Amino acid sequence: MKPARWNSGLLRLIMSNNIFVYHFTKKQNITSILQNGLKHGTKYNTLDSQFRAGANYFYLTPSHDCMNYKNNNDYECLQISVDKNLCVVGNMDLISSAFYNFMMEKKNASLYNYRKLVKMFDSTAVAYDFYETGYFRTPEAIIQNDILPNVIEIIKPNEVTSNFINNRELYNKKLEQKLYELTLSNVQFKNIYTMIKFLEENKIIKKIALHDDSFGLLQSYIVNDTSEFFTVELE
């Protein structure tokens, strides 16, 4: 029997579904990964998230690295080709806030119910095609499949171009405008932090987490009327 031949149009359609996602790993792991790929599953506590449980996590572009791996000589950046239909994009700040409250609950110092935040993380995650630049400050690509070694390549992170590169800057710009609208005021605030203080004092927003990443200290909030979540970077 002759091997089946791909229809060229169908092949182009299949290939058009492929996107690149990125993963940083210690150099000592490279040989194993290039031989065996990445198995789905995680050693970390996923707080019973339906999307994160048993998944691999990636960045949409290396510049989204919020752990500063890209400037650590002990790490390599991997570029991985995947079918975009397998990819869900979640809000990493939201799951970090949930984990903060999970840890603080043990000390009776939780600011918010972490289970509600996990449900919010799952309910706000979007399919890859529906993610828009700036929607989350720290988007993470979630894939609940094994990654085969033949789709993994070592790359230099600073050479990657992407529509998502300005994600964090656009998020912060949109957040400042959103907070100003919440003030329902004609007052000219000095900066985003004076707006935050005003909104807290007037019980329009509530602080729910204190955390950090490579960009600095962070505070996350819920808008009281809508339960809308956001994270602000502190000075």
Protein backbone atom coordinates (compact mmCIF):
# COMPACT_ATOMS: atom_id res chain seq x y z
CA MET A 1 0.00 0.00 0.00
CA LYS A 2 1.32 3.43 -0.91
CA PRO A 3 1.63 5.93 1.96
CA ALA A 4 -1.15 8.51 2.08
CA ARG A 5 -0.31 11.87 0.55
CA TRP A 6 -1.31 15.07 2.29
CA ASN A 7 -3.54 17.45 0.38
CA SER A 8 -1.39 20.60 0.17
CA GLY A 9 -4.25 22.88 1.21
CA LEU A 10 -5.04 20.71 4.25
CA LEU A 11 -1.36 20.64 5.21
CA ARG A 12 -1.18 24.44 5.12
CA LEU A 13 -4.32 24.63 7.27
CA ILE A 14 -2.83 22.26 9.85
CA MET A 15 0.46 24.15 9.91
CA SER A 16 -1.38 27.46 10.31
CA ASN A 17 -2.68 26.25 13.67
CA ASN A 18 0.85 26.07 15.05
CA ILE A 19 2.14 28.77 17.40
CA PHE A 20 5.29 29.18 19.44
CA VAL A 21 5.31 29.21 23.23
CA TYR A 22 8.36 29.53 25.48
CA HIS A 23 9.80 27.79 28.50
CA PHE A 24 12.90 28.44 30.61
CA THR A 25 14.75 25.53 32.14
CA LYS A 26 18.06 24.90 33.87
CA LYS A 27 20.86 23.95 31.49
CA GLN A 28 21.29 20.64 33.30
CA ASN A 29 17.80 19.62 32.09
CA ILE A 30 18.43 20.27 28.39
CA THR A 31 19.76 16.84 27.38
CA SER A 32 16.82 15.04 28.96
CA ILE A 33 14.23 17.43 27.49
CA LEU A 34 15.65 17.18 23.97
CA GLN A 35 15.54 13.38 24.24
CA ASN A 36 12.25 12.89 26.08
CA GLY A 37 10.28 16.12 25.65
CA LEU A 38 8.17 17.66 28.41
CA LYS A 39 5.65 15.47 30.18
CA HIS A 40 2.41 17.08 31.23
CA GLY A 41 1.91 17.31 34.96
CA THR A 42 3.53 19.39 37.65
CA LYS A 43 5.16 18.96 41.05
CA TYR A 44 3.64 22.25 42.21
CA ASN A 45 0.41 22.72 44.14
CA THR A 46 -2.14 23.83 41.55
CA LEU A 47 -4.86 24.57 44.15
CA ASP A 48 -7.29 22.30 42.26
CA SER A 49 -7.46 24.55 39.21
CA GLN A 50 -9.16 22.67 36.38
CA PHE A 51 -6.71 24.14 33.86
CA ARG A 52 -3.45 24.06 35.79
CA ALA A 53 -3.80 20.56 37.23
CA GLY A 54 -1.65 18.17 35.20
CA ALA A 55 -0.55 20.85 32.73
CA ASN A 56 2.59 22.39 31.26
CA TYR A 57 2.95 26.17 31.64
CA PHE A 58 4.63 28.46 29.14
CA TYR A 59 5.10 32.11 28.20
CA LEU A 60 3.59 33.58 25.04
CA THR A 61 6.93 35.32 24.45
CA PRO A 62 10.22 35.28 26.41
CA SER A 63 9.77 38.92 27.43
CA HIS A 64 6.83 37.83 29.64
CA ASP A 65 9.30 35.99 31.88
CA CYS A 66 8.48 37.39 35.31
CA MET A 67 11.09 35.31 37.16
CA ASN A 68 14.07 36.89 35.36
CA TYR A 69 15.24 33.56 33.98
CA LYS A 70 16.21 35.26 30.73
CA ASN A 71 19.05 37.05 32.53
CA ASN A 72 20.20 33.98 34.45
CA ASN A 73 23.14 32.17 32.84
CA ASP A 74 22.04 28.91 34.46
CA TYR A 75 18.91 28.80 32.27
CA GLU A 76 18.15 28.20 28.61
CA CYS A 77 15.08 29.36 26.70
CA LEU A 78 13.10 26.77 24.77
CA GLN A 79 10.85 27.61 21.83
CA ILE A 80 8.06 25.07 21.41
CA SER A 81 5.72 24.63 18.46
CA VAL A 82 2.20 23.62 19.49
CA ASP A 83 -1.30 23.54 18.07
CA LYS A 84 -2.94 26.74 19.28
CA ASN A 85 -6.20 24.85 19.80
CA LEU A 86 -4.53 23.03 22.71
CA CYS A 87 -3.54 26.29 24.40
CA VAL A 88 -5.47 28.17 27.09
CA VAL A 89 -4.20 31.52 28.41
CA GLY A 90 -4.60 32.20 32.11
CA ASN A 91 -3.87 35.10 34.47
CA MET A 92 -0.71 34.22 36.39
CA ASP A 93 -1.19 37.14 38.83
CA LEU A 94 -4.57 35.72 39.76
CA ILE A 95 -3.28 32.24 40.56
CA SER A 96 -0.36 33.85 42.45
CA SER A 97 -2.89 35.79 44.54
CA ALA A 98 -4.76 32.57 45.22
CA PHE A 99 -1.56 30.89 46.35
CA TYR A 100 -0.69 33.84 48.61
CA ASN A 101 -4.04 33.51 50.36
CA PHE A 102 -3.71 29.72 50.52
CA MET A 103 -0.44 30.15 52.43
CA MET A 104 -1.79 32.95 54.63
CA GLU A 105 -4.88 30.92 55.52
CA LYS A 106 -2.61 28.64 57.53
CA LYS A 107 -1.60 31.68 59.61
CA ASN A 108 -5.17 32.96 59.93
CA ALA A 109 -4.11 36.04 57.98
CA SER A 110 -5.76 35.47 54.61
CA LEU A 111 -7.10 38.56 52.82
CA TYR A 112 -9.50 36.63 50.58
CA ASN A 113 -10.86 33.14 50.03
CA TYR A 114 -8.28 31.46 47.81
CA ARG A 115 -10.82 28.96 46.45
CA LYS A 116 -12.85 31.82 44.99
CA LEU A 117 -9.71 33.15 43.33
CA VAL A 118 -8.96 29.74 41.80
CA LYS A 119 -12.49 29.61 40.39
CA MET A 120 -11.98 33.12 39.04
CA PHE A 121 -8.71 32.03 37.42
CA ASP A 122 -10.44 29.14 35.69
CA SER A 123 -13.45 31.21 34.62
CA THR A 124 -11.38 34.06 33.16
CA ALA A 125 -8.92 31.88 31.21
CA VAL A 126 -9.39 32.21 27.44
CA ALA A 127 -8.55 30.22 24.35
CA TYR A 128 -5.36 31.39 22.60
CA ASP A 129 -7.25 33.02 19.72
CA PHE A 130 -9.25 35.15 22.15
CA TYR A 131 -6.26 36.53 24.07
CA GLU A 132 -5.62 40.21 23.36
CA THR A 133 -2.38 41.98 24.21
CA GLY A 134 -2.66 43.65 27.62
CA TYR A 135 -5.64 41.59 28.81
CA PHE A 136 -3.59 40.06 31.67
CA ARG A 137 -0.44 41.61 33.09
CA THR A 138 1.23 38.19 33.22
CA PRO A 139 -0.42 35.76 30.79
CA GLU A 140 0.57 32.10 30.95
CA ALA A 141 -0.02 29.55 28.21
CA ILE A 142 -1.44 26.32 29.64
CA ILE A 143 -1.24 23.06 27.70
CA GLN A 144 -2.48 19.76 29.13
CA ASN A 145 -0.48 17.58 26.77
CA ASP A 146 2.97 16.08 26.56
CA ILE A 147 5.42 18.06 24.43
CA LEU A 148 7.41 15.89 22.02
CA PRO A 149 11.15 16.55 21.65
CA ASN A 150 10.96 17.19 17.89
CA VAL A 151 9.00 20.44 18.43
CA ILE A 152 11.46 21.89 20.96
CA GLU A 153 14.31 24.21 20.01
CA ILE A 154 16.84 26.17 22.10
CA ILE A 155 16.74 29.86 21.21
CA LYS A 156 18.10 33.20 22.40
CA PRO A 157 15.19 34.98 24.12
CA ASN A 158 16.21 38.50 23.09
CA GLU A 159 15.93 37.57 19.40
CA VAL A 160 12.22 36.70 19.54
CA THR A 161 9.73 39.14 18.03
CA SER A 162 6.05 38.90 18.93
CA ASN A 163 2.79 40.82 18.91
CA PHE A 164 2.69 40.20 22.67
CA ILE A 165 5.98 41.92 23.56
CA ASN A 166 4.33 45.15 24.81
CA ASN A 167 1.74 43.23 26.84
CA ARG A 168 2.76 44.47 30.31
CA GLU A 169 3.08 48.10 29.25
CA LEU A 170 -0.32 48.06 27.55
CA TYR A 171 -1.90 46.37 30.58
CA ASN A 172 -0.55 49.07 32.92
CA LYS A 173 -1.75 51.84 30.61
CA LYS A 174 -5.25 50.36 30.35
CA LEU A 175 -5.33 49.77 34.11
CA GLU A 176 -4.60 53.41 34.89
CA GLN A 177 -7.47 54.52 32.65
CA LYS A 178 -9.81 51.94 34.20
CA LEU A 179 -8.97 53.07 37.74
CA TYR A 180 -9.54 56.70 36.83
CA GLU A 181 -13.01 55.78 35.55
CA LEU A 182 -13.72 54.02 38.85
CA THR A 183 -13.01 57.17 40.83
CA LEU A 184 -16.06 58.91 39.29
CA SER A 185 -14.18 62.10 39.99
CA ASN A 186 -12.87 65.12 38.11
CA VAL A 187 -9.94 65.30 40.51
CA GLN A 188 -6.52 65.15 38.86
CA PHE A 189 -4.65 62.42 40.70
CA LYS A 190 -0.90 62.65 41.00
CA ASN A 191 -0.38 59.05 39.86
CA ILE A 192 -1.92 55.58 39.89
CA TYR A 193 -0.98 55.11 43.54
CA THR A 194 -2.98 58.12 44.71
CA MET A 195 -5.93 56.72 42.77
CA ILE A 196 -5.49 53.35 44.49
CA LYS A 197 -5.51 55.07 47.90
CA PHE A 198 -8.64 57.03 47.01
CA LEU A 199 -10.44 53.92 45.79
CA GLU A 200 -9.48 51.93 48.88
CA GLU A 201 -10.55 54.68 51.28
CA ASN A 202 -13.90 54.90 49.53
CA LYS A 203 -14.34 51.12 49.62
CA ILE A 204 -14.55 50.84 45.85
CA ILE A 205 -11.72 48.30 45.75
CA LYS A 206 -10.32 45.81 48.25
CA LYS A 207 -6.73 44.59 48.54
CA ILE A 208 -6.60 40.79 48.35
CA ALA A 209 -2.93 39.88 47.92
CA LEU A 210 0.65 41.05 48.40
CA HIS A 211 3.17 39.30 46.18
CA ASP A 212 6.12 39.97 43.90
CA ASP A 213 7.91 38.99 40.72
CA SER A 214 11.02 40.14 38.87
CA PHE A 215 9.36 43.50 38.13
CA GLY A 216 9.06 44.26 41.86
CA LEU A 217 6.45 44.29 44.61
CA LEU A 218 2.82 43.78 43.59
CA GLN A 219 -0.60 44.31 45.10
CA SER A 220 -3.74 42.70 43.77
CA TYR A 221 -7.27 43.99 44.23
CA ILE A 222 -10.90 43.15 43.68
CA VAL A 223 -13.41 45.79 42.56
CA ASN A 224 -16.14 45.41 45.18
CA ASP A 225 -19.15 45.90 42.92
CA THR A 226 -18.01 43.62 40.10
CA SER A 227 -15.33 41.34 41.62
CA GLU A 228 -13.10 42.40 38.74
CA PHE A 229 -9.46 41.55 39.49
CA PHE A 230 -6.36 43.63 38.82
CA THR A 231 -2.71 43.83 39.87
CA VAL A 232 -0.67 46.99 40.30
CA GLU A 233 3.12 47.25 40.40
CA LEU A 234 4.38 49.25 43.37
CA GLU A 235 6.98 52.00 43.07
